[in-house]
Amino acid sequence: MEDDITITPLHQPGSVIDPLTEIARDGARQMLAAALRAEAASFVAQFADERLPDGRQRVVHHGTGPERNIQTGIGPIPVQRHKVRDRATDASPEDTFRFSSRILPKWARRSPSLNALLPVLYLRGVSTGDFQEALSALVGSDAPNLSPGAISRLTGEWQAEHDRWQRRDLSARRYVYVWADGVYLQARMEPQAECMLVMIGATPEGKKELLGFQVGVRESAQSWRELLIDLKARGLSAPPDLAVGDGALGFWKALDEVFPDTRHQRCWTHKMSNVLNKLPKSMHPAVKTDLREISQAATRAAAETAVNTFVEKYGVKYEKAVVCLTKDREALLAFYDFPAAHWDHLRTSNPIESVFAPVRHRTVRTKGALSQKTAKLMVFKLVQAAAKKWRRLKGANQLPLVVEGVKFNDGVAEQDGTESRAA
């Protein structure tokens, strides 16, 4: 009779029965173990010719460390760190070969993707005491490295990182283009929304970077002036060649005071929206087509002709729409004096809008972060994470010409145009 007894384990509260996840986790464990072995073996192979006086190999594999769990997006995965030993006892510390895994840093307890998830949850209003419950479906019920105390220490690290970033030296930096915008976020525990002033810069290598970030009092000239003066005080002496932004007069006024040599480029996306707001909705499709003919024109002369046509077509009945367009005529067409390969990047401030669209979505859905300080810190981390995926500028080989002061006419360098005509 005893042979017929079957014991079925009871489902524990808070646990998830998911065979597919268990299979994925087991496969990930095997792949990670293989990758760690291969990484250590590759390091040892680099020094295969290094020998001790008695002929033995100097750098050898030296076993593994104790098993520990790494928290990942599919739950905890057990891993063992591989050790490598340099057997040369008389070598100085500088001459000793030391192995450090790039896949599994020595003190790692969480995967980078999980670290990126934490600020998102915190921004959504999840308190530190609720993190374990919120993450239990992702990492399992046992999450020893995601306790409330660990989360509090992590937010302290984010604050320290933000402070270091705000004090970084910019004397060796050069930015050819900058995009500026103000993003309003309503914190749940604050009486009114505050404006986060954001600047993204393009380096001469074509890489986009977060350049400026601080909380201001709306998009006032004083708030922008403080941000720009701070950048200049930390060594940003070379003015950007072109700044892209919307119609916020505070930014342009502050820019003229701090970097008077920087050209202005108004965002066409914002300008189209402003013009359409002054026209009946029934006319929007046709007007959008007319505005695109201006912004997408191949030459400045063609764009000027399209503007004149727009004025003749709508000026009599819709004077406000025409004035809205023509008052910023020069700033809207400034991009023609820069390489044509960069026009798609320079016609709009969307590099900032695209970054903050998911941030706005999250704060609206959750009715704001807990406080303005929390919002600022978490948005900073989210932007840093997004920056790793920002696409480089097309035609990066043209940026050194802009830095050198080469003049462009309708997107073509004047010296190139002269040479081609002479040929």
Protein backbone atom coordinates (compact mmCIF):
# COMPACT_ATOMS: atom_id res chain seq x y z
CA MET A 1 0.00 0.00 0.00
CA GLU A 2 2.83 2.42 0.79
CA ASP A 3 4.10 2.17 -2.81
CA ASP A 4 0.82 3.65 -4.06
CA ILE A 5 1.09 6.83 -2.00
CA THR A 6 1.66 9.98 -4.07
CA ILE A 7 2.68 13.26 -2.42
CA THR A 8 1.77 16.41 -4.33
CA PRO A 9 3.51 19.64 -3.24
CA LEU A 10 1.09 22.44 -2.42
CA HIS A 11 1.22 25.69 -4.36
CA GLN A 12 2.79 28.33 -2.12
CA PRO A 13 1.07 31.72 -1.90
CA GLY A 14 2.93 34.38 -3.91
CA SER A 15 4.71 31.89 -6.17
CA VAL A 16 4.07 31.49 -9.88
CA ILE A 17 3.76 28.13 -11.63
CA ASP A 18 5.14 28.81 -15.10
CA PRO A 19 6.93 25.91 -16.85
CA LEU A 20 7.88 28.13 -19.79
CA THR A 21 9.70 30.57 -17.52
CA GLU A 22 11.45 27.72 -15.74
CA ILE A 23 12.65 26.34 -19.08
CA ALA A 24 13.89 29.79 -20.14
CA ARG A 25 15.61 30.26 -16.79
CA ASP A 26 17.35 26.90 -17.02
CA GLY A 27 18.48 27.67 -20.57
CA ALA A 28 19.76 31.08 -19.49
CA ARG A 29 21.68 29.47 -16.61
CA GLN A 30 23.39 27.02 -18.97
CA MET A 31 24.23 29.72 -21.52
CA LEU A 32 25.57 32.04 -18.82
CA ALA A 33 27.71 29.29 -17.34
CA ALA A 34 29.12 28.48 -20.78
CA ALA A 35 29.83 32.15 -21.50
CA LEU A 36 31.64 32.59 -18.18
CA ARG A 37 33.77 29.49 -18.85
CA ALA A 38 34.62 30.72 -22.35
CA GLU A 39 35.51 34.19 -21.05
CA ALA A 40 37.91 32.79 -18.46
CA ALA A 41 39.41 30.33 -20.97
CA SER A 42 39.97 33.15 -23.47
CA PHE A 43 41.82 35.20 -20.84
CA VAL A 44 44.06 32.25 -19.94
CA ALA A 45 44.75 31.58 -23.64
CA GLN A 46 46.08 35.12 -24.10
CA PHE A 47 48.99 34.28 -21.79
CA ALA A 48 49.63 30.72 -22.95
CA ASP A 49 53.22 31.66 -23.85
CA GLU A 50 53.93 33.11 -20.42
CA ARG A 51 55.95 30.54 -18.46
CA LEU A 52 57.49 30.28 -15.01
CA PRO A 53 61.23 29.51 -14.62
CA ASP A 54 60.37 25.83 -14.07
CA GLY A 55 58.41 25.69 -17.35
CA ARG A 56 54.91 25.67 -15.91
CA GLN A 57 52.21 27.90 -17.38
CA ARG A 58 52.08 31.17 -15.49
CA VAL A 59 48.36 32.04 -15.86
CA VAL A 60 45.95 29.20 -15.11
CA HIS A 61 42.30 28.61 -14.31
CA HIS A 62 41.85 28.45 -10.53
CA GLY A 63 38.39 27.02 -9.93
CA THR A 64 35.18 28.92 -9.24
CA GLY A 65 33.77 30.99 -6.46
CA PRO A 66 30.73 30.10 -4.36
CA GLU A 67 27.40 29.96 -6.12
CA ARG A 68 25.19 33.06 -5.87
CA ASN A 69 21.93 34.20 -7.44
CA ILE A 70 21.75 37.06 -9.95
CA GLN A 71 18.37 38.77 -10.16
CA THR A 72 17.27 39.05 -13.80
CA GLY A 73 14.11 39.80 -15.72
CA ILE A 74 13.22 36.07 -15.74
CA GLY A 75 13.96 35.54 -12.07
CA PRO A 76 17.04 34.53 -10.07
CA ILE A 77 19.74 32.61 -11.95
CA PRO A 78 22.46 30.75 -9.99
CA VAL A 79 25.99 31.51 -11.20
CA GLN A 80 29.57 30.85 -10.15
CA ARG A 81 32.38 33.31 -10.81
CA HIS A 82 35.43 31.76 -12.51
CA LYS A 83 38.82 32.48 -10.97
CA VAL A 84 42.13 32.89 -12.76
CA ARG A 85 45.48 32.78 -10.97
CA ASP A 86 48.82 34.33 -11.85
CA ARG A 87 51.35 31.92 -10.31
CA ALA A 88 54.31 34.30 -10.54
CA THR A 89 54.96 34.98 -6.85
CA ASP A 90 57.76 37.50 -7.46
CA ALA A 91 55.75 39.75 -9.82
CA SER A 92 54.92 43.29 -8.67
CA PRO A 93 51.25 44.29 -8.37
CA GLU A 94 51.56 46.32 -11.60
CA ASP A 95 52.95 43.31 -13.51
CA THR A 96 50.46 40.77 -12.15
CA PHE A 97 47.86 39.51 -14.61
CA ARG A 98 44.40 39.96 -13.09
CA PHE A 99 41.15 38.61 -14.50
CA SER A 100 37.90 40.53 -14.13
CA SER A 101 34.76 39.25 -15.83
CA ARG A 102 32.90 41.76 -17.96
CA ILE A 103 29.88 39.47 -18.11
CA LEU A 104 29.65 39.03 -14.34
CA PRO A 105 31.30 41.81 -12.32
CA LYS A 106 32.63 40.70 -8.98
CA TRP A 107 29.92 42.24 -6.79
CA ALA A 108 27.01 42.13 -9.26
CA ARG A 109 23.67 41.12 -7.78
CA ARG A 110 21.27 42.37 -10.49
CA SER A 111 21.28 42.44 -14.27
CA PRO A 112 21.60 45.91 -15.90
CA SER A 113 18.12 45.53 -17.44
CA LEU A 114 16.61 45.06 -13.99
CA ASN A 115 18.46 48.13 -12.71
CA ALA A 116 16.89 50.09 -15.60
CA LEU A 117 13.44 48.82 -14.52
CA LEU A 118 13.73 50.14 -10.96
CA PRO A 119 13.62 53.87 -11.77
CA VAL A 120 10.64 53.24 -14.05
CA LEU A 121 8.70 51.60 -11.21
CA TYR A 122 9.75 54.30 -8.77
CA LEU A 123 8.66 57.03 -11.17
CA ARG A 124 5.30 55.30 -11.51
CA GLY A 125 4.78 55.82 -7.79
CA VAL A 126 5.74 52.41 -6.42
CA SER A 127 6.99 52.99 -2.87
CA THR A 128 10.16 51.32 -1.64
CA GLY A 129 8.13 49.04 0.62
CA ASP A 130 6.12 47.70 -2.33
CA PHE A 131 9.03 46.87 -4.63
CA GLN A 132 9.25 43.21 -3.66
CA GLU A 133 5.54 42.69 -4.30
CA ALA A 134 5.66 44.60 -7.60
CA LEU A 135 8.64 42.58 -8.85
CA SER A 136 7.61 39.16 -7.56
CA ALA A 137 6.05 38.19 -10.89
CA LEU A 138 9.29 39.06 -12.66
CA VAL A 139 12.03 37.83 -10.35
CA GLY A 140 10.17 35.39 -8.12
CA SER A 141 9.02 35.71 -4.53
CA ASP A 142 12.57 35.61 -3.15
CA ALA A 143 14.30 38.86 -3.99
CA PRO A 144 16.89 39.39 -1.26
CA ASN A 145 18.70 42.11 -3.21
CA LEU A 146 15.56 44.18 -3.76
CA SER A 147 14.59 44.90 -0.18
CA PRO A 148 13.30 48.35 0.81
CA GLY A 149 16.70 49.15 2.34
CA ALA A 150 18.48 48.19 -0.87
CA ILE A 151 16.12 50.33 -2.93
CA SER A 152 16.69 53.31 -0.61
CA ARG A 153 20.45 52.90 -1.00
CA LEU A 154 20.00 52.65 -4.76
CA THR A 155 18.06 55.93 -4.92
CA GLY A 156 20.84 57.51 -2.86
CA GLU A 157 23.32 56.31 -5.48
CA TRP A 158 21.16 57.87 -8.21
CA GLN A 159 21.20 61.18 -6.36
CA ALA A 160 24.97 61.05 -6.00
CA GLU A 161 25.31 60.18 -9.69
CA HIS A 162 23.07 63.11 -10.63
CA ASP A 163 25.14 65.47 -8.48
CA ARG A 164 28.39 64.28 -10.07
CA TRP A 165 26.89 64.71 -13.53
CA GLN A 166 25.81 68.26 -12.73
CA ARG A 167 29.38 69.12 -11.66
CA ARG A 168 31.19 67.46 -14.59
CA ASP A 169 33.92 69.41 -16.39
CA LEU A 170 32.94 70.58 -19.89
CA SER A 171 36.16 72.37 -20.85
CA ALA A 172 37.12 69.60 -23.28
CA ARG A 173 33.64 69.29 -24.80
CA ARG A 174 32.37 70.81 -28.03
CA TYR A 175 28.79 70.70 -29.26
CA VAL A 176 27.95 71.59 -32.85
CA TYR A 177 24.16 71.54 -32.46
CA VAL A 178 21.89 71.69 -29.41
CA TRP A 179 18.18 70.94 -29.00
CA ALA A 180 16.33 72.63 -26.15
CA ASP A 181 12.86 72.16 -24.70
CA GLY A 182 10.92 72.44 -21.46
CA VAL A 183 9.01 69.43 -20.14
CA TYR A 184 6.25 69.90 -17.58
CA LEU A 185 5.60 67.11 -15.06
CA GLN A 186 3.06 67.31 -12.25
CA ALA A 187 4.27 65.67 -9.07
CA ARG A 188 1.57 64.14 -6.88
CA MET A 189 2.68 65.89 -3.70
CA GLU A 190 3.40 69.30 -5.25
CA PRO A 191 0.83 72.13 -5.70
CA GLN A 192 1.82 72.88 -9.30
CA ALA A 193 3.76 71.43 -12.18
CA GLU A 194 7.37 72.49 -12.55
CA CYS A 195 9.28 72.70 -15.79
CA MET A 196 12.27 70.49 -16.47
CA LEU A 197 14.62 72.28 -18.84
CA VAL A 198 16.44 69.86 -21.10
CA MET A 199 19.27 70.34 -23.59
CA ILE A 200 20.71 67.66 -25.88
CA GLY A 201 23.97 68.33 -27.71
CA ALA A 202 25.58 66.80 -30.81
CA THR A 203 29.36 66.30 -30.64
CA PRO A 204 31.68 66.71 -33.66
CA GLU A 205 31.64 62.91 -33.91
CA GLY A 206 27.86 62.90 -34.46
CA LYS A 207 26.93 61.50 -31.04
CA LYS A 208 23.99 62.96 -29.12
CA GLU A 209 24.45 63.57 -25.40
CA LEU A 210 22.36 64.93 -22.55
CA LEU A 211 23.97 68.34 -22.05
CA GLY A 212 21.77 70.25 -19.60
CA PHE A 213 19.01 69.22 -17.20
CA GLN A 214 17.49 71.17 -14.34
CA VAL A 215 14.17 72.22 -12.85
CA GLY A 216 13.13 75.77 -13.71
CA VAL A 217 10.28 78.19 -13.07
CA ARG A 218 8.38 77.63 -16.30
CA GLU A 219 10.39 78.28 -19.49
CA SER A 220 11.42 81.75 -18.36
CA ALA A 221 14.48 83.56 -19.62
CA GLN A 222 15.92 83.54 -16.11
CA SER A 223 15.63 79.74 -15.78
CA TRP A 224 17.27 79.15 -19.17
CA ARG A 225 19.92 81.78 -18.37
CA GLU A 226 20.86 79.93 -15.18
CA LEU A 227 21.24 76.65 -17.07
CA LEU A 228 23.32 78.18 -19.86
CA ILE A 229 25.55 80.16 -17.49
CA ASP A 230 26.15 77.00 -15.46
CA LEU A 231 27.26 75.15 -18.62
CA LYS A 232 29.58 78.02 -19.52
CA ALA A 233 31.00 78.22 -15.99
CA ARG A 234 31.94 74.53 -16.15
CA GLY A 235 34.05 75.08 -19.26
CA LEU A 236 31.69 75.09 -22.26
CA SER A 237 33.39 78.06 -23.91
CA ALA A 238 32.77 77.23 -27.59
CA PRO A 239 29.22 78.27 -28.52
CA PRO A 240 27.07 75.76 -30.44
CA ASP A 241 26.75 76.59 -34.12
CA LEU A 242 22.97 76.09 -34.15
CA ALA A 243 20.26 75.74 -31.52
CA VAL A 244 16.93 74.06 -32.25
CA GLY A 245 13.84 74.80 -30.17
CA ASP A 246 10.18 75.80 -30.15
CA GLY A 247 8.71 79.27 -29.73
CA ALA A 248 9.58 79.68 -26.03
CA LEU A 249 10.92 83.24 -26.05
CA GLY A 250 12.72 82.74 -22.75
CA PHE A 251 15.20 80.29 -24.26
CA TRP A 252 16.05 82.46 -27.26
CA LYS A 253 16.50 85.55 -25.12
CA ALA A 254 18.82 83.73 -22.71
CA LEU A 255 20.74 82.13 -25.60
CA ASP A 256 21.42 85.54 -27.19
CA GLU A 257 22.82 86.78 -23.89
CA VAL A 258 25.06 83.80 -23.09
CA PHE A 259 25.96 82.49 -26.58
CA PRO A 260 25.20 85.40 -28.96
CA ASP A 261 26.98 83.75 -31.92
CA THR A 262 24.70 80.70 -31.95
CA ARG A 263 22.23 80.60 -34.84
CA HIS A 264 18.51 80.00 -34.24
CA GLN A 265 16.47 77.21 -35.85
CA ARG A 266 12.77 77.09 -35.00
CA CYS A 267 11.15 73.67 -34.75
CA TRP A 268 8.92 73.03 -37.76
CA THR A 269 6.77 70.53 -35.86
CA HIS A 270 5.80 73.15 -33.28
CA LYS A 271 5.41 75.88 -35.89
CA MET A 272 3.02 73.78 -37.98
CA SER A 273 0.92 73.11 -34.90
CA ASN A 274 0.84 76.84 -34.06
CA VAL A 275 -0.24 77.80 -37.58
CA LEU A 276 -2.93 75.11 -37.73
CA ASN A 277 -4.38 76.34 -34.43
CA LYS A 278 -5.29 79.60 -36.20
CA LEU A 279 -7.19 77.87 -39.01
CA PRO A 280 -10.44 75.87 -39.22
CA LYS A 281 -9.95 72.13 -38.78
CA SER A 282 -11.48 71.46 -42.16
CA MET A 283 -8.51 73.22 -43.76
CA HIS A 284 -5.80 71.37 -41.83
CA PRO A 285 -5.01 68.64 -44.42
CA ALA A 286 -4.46 71.16 -47.22
CA VAL A 287 -2.50 73.57 -45.03
CA LYS A 288 -0.25 70.76 -43.77
CA THR A 289 0.61 69.95 -47.37
CA ASP A 290 1.47 73.61 -48.08
CA LEU A 291 3.65 73.86 -44.95
CA ARG A 292 5.50 70.66 -45.82
CA GLU A 293 6.27 72.10 -49.25
CA ILE A 294 8.09 74.89 -47.43
CA SER A 295 9.95 72.79 -44.85
CA GLN A 296 10.88 70.04 -47.32
CA ALA A 297 11.95 72.31 -50.18
CA ALA A 298 15.27 71.37 -51.76
CA THR A 299 16.66 74.93 -51.71
CA ARG A 300 16.15 78.12 -49.76
CA ALA A 301 14.88 79.87 -52.90
CA ALA A 302 12.21 77.19 -53.36
CA ALA A 303 11.23 77.50 -49.70
CA GLU A 304 10.98 81.31 -50.00
CA THR A 305 8.77 80.90 -53.06
CA ALA A 306 6.54 78.46 -51.16
CA VAL A 307 6.25 80.94 -48.26
CA ASN A 308 5.19 83.73 -50.64
CA THR A 309 2.62 81.41 -52.17
CA PHE A 310 1.28 80.60 -48.68
CA VAL A 311 0.98 84.32 -47.89
CA GLU A 312 -0.94 85.00 -51.12
CA LYS A 313 -3.19 81.99 -50.60
CA TYR A 314 -4.22 82.56 -46.97
CA GLY A 315 -3.21 86.14 -46.14
CA VAL A 316 -6.50 87.83 -46.93
CA LYS A 317 -8.80 85.70 -44.78
CA TYR A 318 -6.39 84.12 -42.28
CA GLU A 319 -3.96 86.88 -41.46
CA LYS A 320 -3.09 85.52 -38.01
CA ALA A 321 -1.95 82.20 -39.46
CA VAL A 322 0.24 83.98 -42.01
CA VAL A 323 1.78 86.27 -39.39
CA CYS A 324 2.48 83.25 -37.17
CA LEU A 325 4.47 81.68 -40.01
CA THR A 326 6.29 84.70 -41.44
CA LYS A 327 7.41 86.32 -38.18
CA ASP A 328 9.98 83.51 -37.72
CA ARG A 329 10.81 83.21 -41.40
CA GLU A 330 14.60 83.46 -41.04
CA ALA A 331 14.80 81.13 -38.04
CA LEU A 332 12.64 78.54 -39.79
CA LEU A 333 14.98 78.41 -42.80
CA ALA A 334 18.34 78.56 -41.01
CA PHE A 335 18.95 74.85 -41.63
CA TYR A 336 19.70 75.59 -45.32
CA ASP A 337 23.07 77.02 -44.18
CA PHE A 338 24.12 73.62 -42.80
CA PRO A 339 24.88 70.23 -44.40
CA ALA A 340 21.89 68.69 -46.19
CA ALA A 341 22.56 65.37 -44.45
CA HIS A 342 21.69 67.07 -41.14
CA TRP A 343 18.42 68.68 -42.20
CA ASP A 344 16.21 65.89 -40.87
CA HIS A 345 17.81 66.38 -37.44
CA LEU A 346 17.72 70.19 -37.48
CA ARG A 347 14.17 70.87 -38.62
CA THR A 348 12.61 69.72 -35.34
CA SER A 349 13.20 69.41 -31.61
CA ASN A 350 11.78 65.86 -31.71
CA PRO A 351 15.03 64.37 -30.29
CA ILE A 352 13.79 65.68 -26.93
CA GLU A 353 10.09 65.07 -27.56
CA SER A 354 10.69 61.40 -28.43
CA VAL A 355 12.65 60.87 -25.22
CA PHE A 356 10.00 62.38 -22.96
CA ALA A 357 6.91 60.93 -24.64
CA PRO A 358 7.04 57.72 -22.55
CA VAL A 359 7.89 59.74 -19.44
CA ARG A 360 4.80 61.90 -19.93
CA HIS A 361 2.71 58.80 -20.56
CA ARG A 362 3.82 57.16 -17.33
CA THR A 363 3.29 60.24 -15.17
CA VAL A 364 -0.17 60.88 -16.63
CA ARG A 365 -1.27 57.28 -16.13
CA THR A 366 -0.02 57.23 -12.53
CA LYS A 367 -1.11 60.81 -11.73
CA GLY A 368 2.47 61.95 -11.27
CA ALA A 369 5.51 60.88 -9.30
CA LEU A 370 5.52 61.14 -5.51
CA SER A 371 7.41 64.46 -5.39
CA GLN A 372 9.21 66.88 -7.69
CA LYS A 373 12.55 65.69 -6.34
CA THR A 374 11.60 62.11 -7.15
CA ALA A 375 10.39 63.11 -10.62
CA LYS A 376 13.61 64.98 -11.39
CA LEU A 377 15.82 62.13 -10.24
CA MET A 378 13.89 59.39 -11.97
CA VAL A 379 13.52 61.34 -15.23
CA PHE A 380 17.28 61.88 -15.18
CA LYS A 381 17.84 58.13 -14.93
CA LEU A 382 15.30 57.39 -17.65
CA VAL A 383 16.93 59.88 -20.01
CA GLN A 384 20.35 58.37 -19.29
CA ALA A 385 18.99 54.94 -20.17
CA ALA A 386 17.37 56.28 -23.35
CA ALA A 387 20.59 58.06 -24.37
CA LYS A 388 22.25 54.70 -25.01
CA LYS A 389 19.82 54.17 -27.91
CA TRP A 390 19.92 57.63 -29.46
CA ARG A 391 20.83 57.42 -33.12
CA ARG A 392 23.88 59.27 -34.36
CA LEU A 393 23.60 62.14 -36.79
CA LYS A 394 23.58 61.19 -40.43
CA GLY A 395 26.47 62.66 -42.38
CA ALA A 396 28.76 62.86 -39.35
CA ASN A 397 31.72 63.40 -41.69
CA GLN A 398 30.30 66.88 -42.44
CA LEU A 399 30.42 68.01 -38.81
CA PRO A 400 34.17 68.86 -38.80
CA LEU A 401 33.48 71.24 -41.71
CA VAL A 402 30.83 73.02 -39.64
CA VAL A 403 33.28 73.28 -36.74
CA GLU A 404 35.94 74.72 -39.05
CA GLY A 405 33.52 77.42 -40.18
CA VAL A 406 32.99 76.21 -43.75
CA LYS A 407 29.99 77.98 -45.29
CA PHE A 408 27.11 75.93 -46.69
CA ASN A 409 24.68 77.04 -49.36
CA ASP A 410 21.51 74.95 -49.66
CA GLY A 411 23.24 72.15 -47.77
CA VAL A 412 26.37 72.07 -49.96
CA ALA A 413 29.75 73.32 -48.77
CA GLU A 414 30.69 76.39 -50.80
CA GLN A 415 34.22 75.17 -51.45
CA ASP A 416 32.82 71.87 -52.77
CA GLY A 417 30.38 73.73 -54.99
CA THR A 418 33.20 75.91 -56.37
CA GLU A 419 35.36 72.89 -57.09
CA SER A 420 32.52 71.02 -58.81
CA ARG A 421 31.71 74.02 -61.04
CA ALA A 422 35.38 74.44 -61.92
CA ALA A 423 35.60 70.78 -62.86
